[in-house]
Amino acid sequence: MPYENWEKMSEHGKHIARLVKAPKGEVVLGAGFVSNNGAEREAFKEAQLAQLVRAPSPQLPSCGWCLCW
């Protein structure tokens, strides 16, 4: 469950869903898309994943001689 949806719940609902919420800022693939067609759902999730993969990632610092980052 996206964190943003969890925030909007009542205190009782938050307590019940506390173990299924995603961390704040994490993308939940397929969240918010409703369809009875499994192929449509999978296509939507694949498109979301493709966007995440293409998104620019921040440059990680490295010491230059090993793989520490």
Protein backbone atom coordinates (compact mmCIF):
# COMPACT_ATOMS: atom_id res chain seq x y z
CA MET A 1 0.00 0.00 0.00
CA PRO A 2 1.41 3.42 -0.89
CA TYR A 3 2.37 5.47 2.15
CA GLU A 4 0.28 8.38 0.88
CA ASN A 5 -2.86 6.22 0.95
CA TRP A 6 -2.01 4.94 4.42
CA GLU A 7 -1.67 8.54 5.69
CA LYS A 8 -5.26 9.30 4.69
CA MET A 9 -6.71 6.41 6.70
CA SER A 10 -8.32 6.61 10.11
CA GLU A 11 -6.21 5.71 13.14
CA HIS A 12 -7.94 2.32 13.31
CA GLY A 13 -7.29 1.70 9.60
CA LYS A 14 -3.65 2.75 9.98
CA HIS A 15 -3.24 0.26 12.79
CA ILE A 16 -4.73 -2.56 10.74
CA ALA A 17 -2.63 -1.75 7.63
CA ARG A 18 0.61 -0.91 9.46
CA LEU A 19 2.40 -4.01 8.19
CA VAL A 20 1.47 -3.60 4.52
CA LYS A 21 2.32 0.06 3.93
CA ALA A 22 5.33 0.96 1.84
CA PRO A 23 7.97 3.34 3.18
CA LYS A 24 7.39 7.03 2.45
CA GLY A 25 8.43 7.91 -1.10
CA GLU A 26 8.60 4.32 -2.36
CA VAL A 27 6.75 3.59 -5.59
CA VAL A 28 4.22 0.77 -5.45
CA LEU A 29 3.87 -0.66 -8.95
CA GLY A 30 0.26 -0.88 -10.10
CA ALA A 31 -1.17 1.17 -7.24
CA GLY A 32 -4.30 3.04 -8.23
CA PHE A 33 -4.93 1.08 -11.44
CA VAL A 34 -8.09 -1.00 -11.50
CA SER A 35 -8.94 -3.42 -14.30
CA ASN A 36 -10.38 -6.90 -14.60
CA ASN A 37 -8.02 -7.54 -17.51
CA GLY A 38 -4.78 -9.04 -16.24
CA ALA A 39 -2.91 -8.06 -19.41
CA GLU A 40 -3.86 -4.41 -18.91
CA ARG A 41 -2.68 -4.49 -15.29
CA GLU A 42 0.64 -6.05 -16.28
CA ALA A 43 1.11 -3.52 -19.11
CA PHE A 44 0.47 -0.67 -16.67
CA LYS A 45 3.00 -2.05 -14.17
CA GLU A 46 5.58 -2.63 -16.92
CA ALA A 47 5.16 0.98 -18.10
CA GLN A 48 5.64 2.23 -14.52
CA LEU A 49 8.74 0.10 -14.12
CA ALA A 50 10.16 1.35 -17.42
CA GLN A 51 9.72 4.93 -16.22
CA LEU A 52 11.55 4.16 -12.98
CA VAL A 53 14.43 2.48 -14.80
CA ARG A 54 14.80 5.43 -17.21
CA ALA A 55 14.68 7.99 -14.40
CA PRO A 56 18.06 9.62 -13.81
CA SER A 57 19.79 8.32 -10.74
CA PRO A 58 22.04 10.47 -8.59
CA GLN A 59 25.77 9.99 -9.03
CA LEU A 60 27.16 7.98 -6.18
CA PRO A 61 30.54 8.99 -4.75
CA SER A 62 33.35 6.49 -5.16
CA CYS A 63 36.92 6.42 -3.97
CA GLY A 64 38.06 5.50 -7.50
CA TRP A 65 39.92 2.27 -6.79
CA CYS A 66 37.22 -0.06 -5.48
CA LEU A 67 33.48 -0.54 -5.64
CA CYS A 68 32.68 1.33 -2.43
CA TRP A 69 29.74 3.68 -2.76
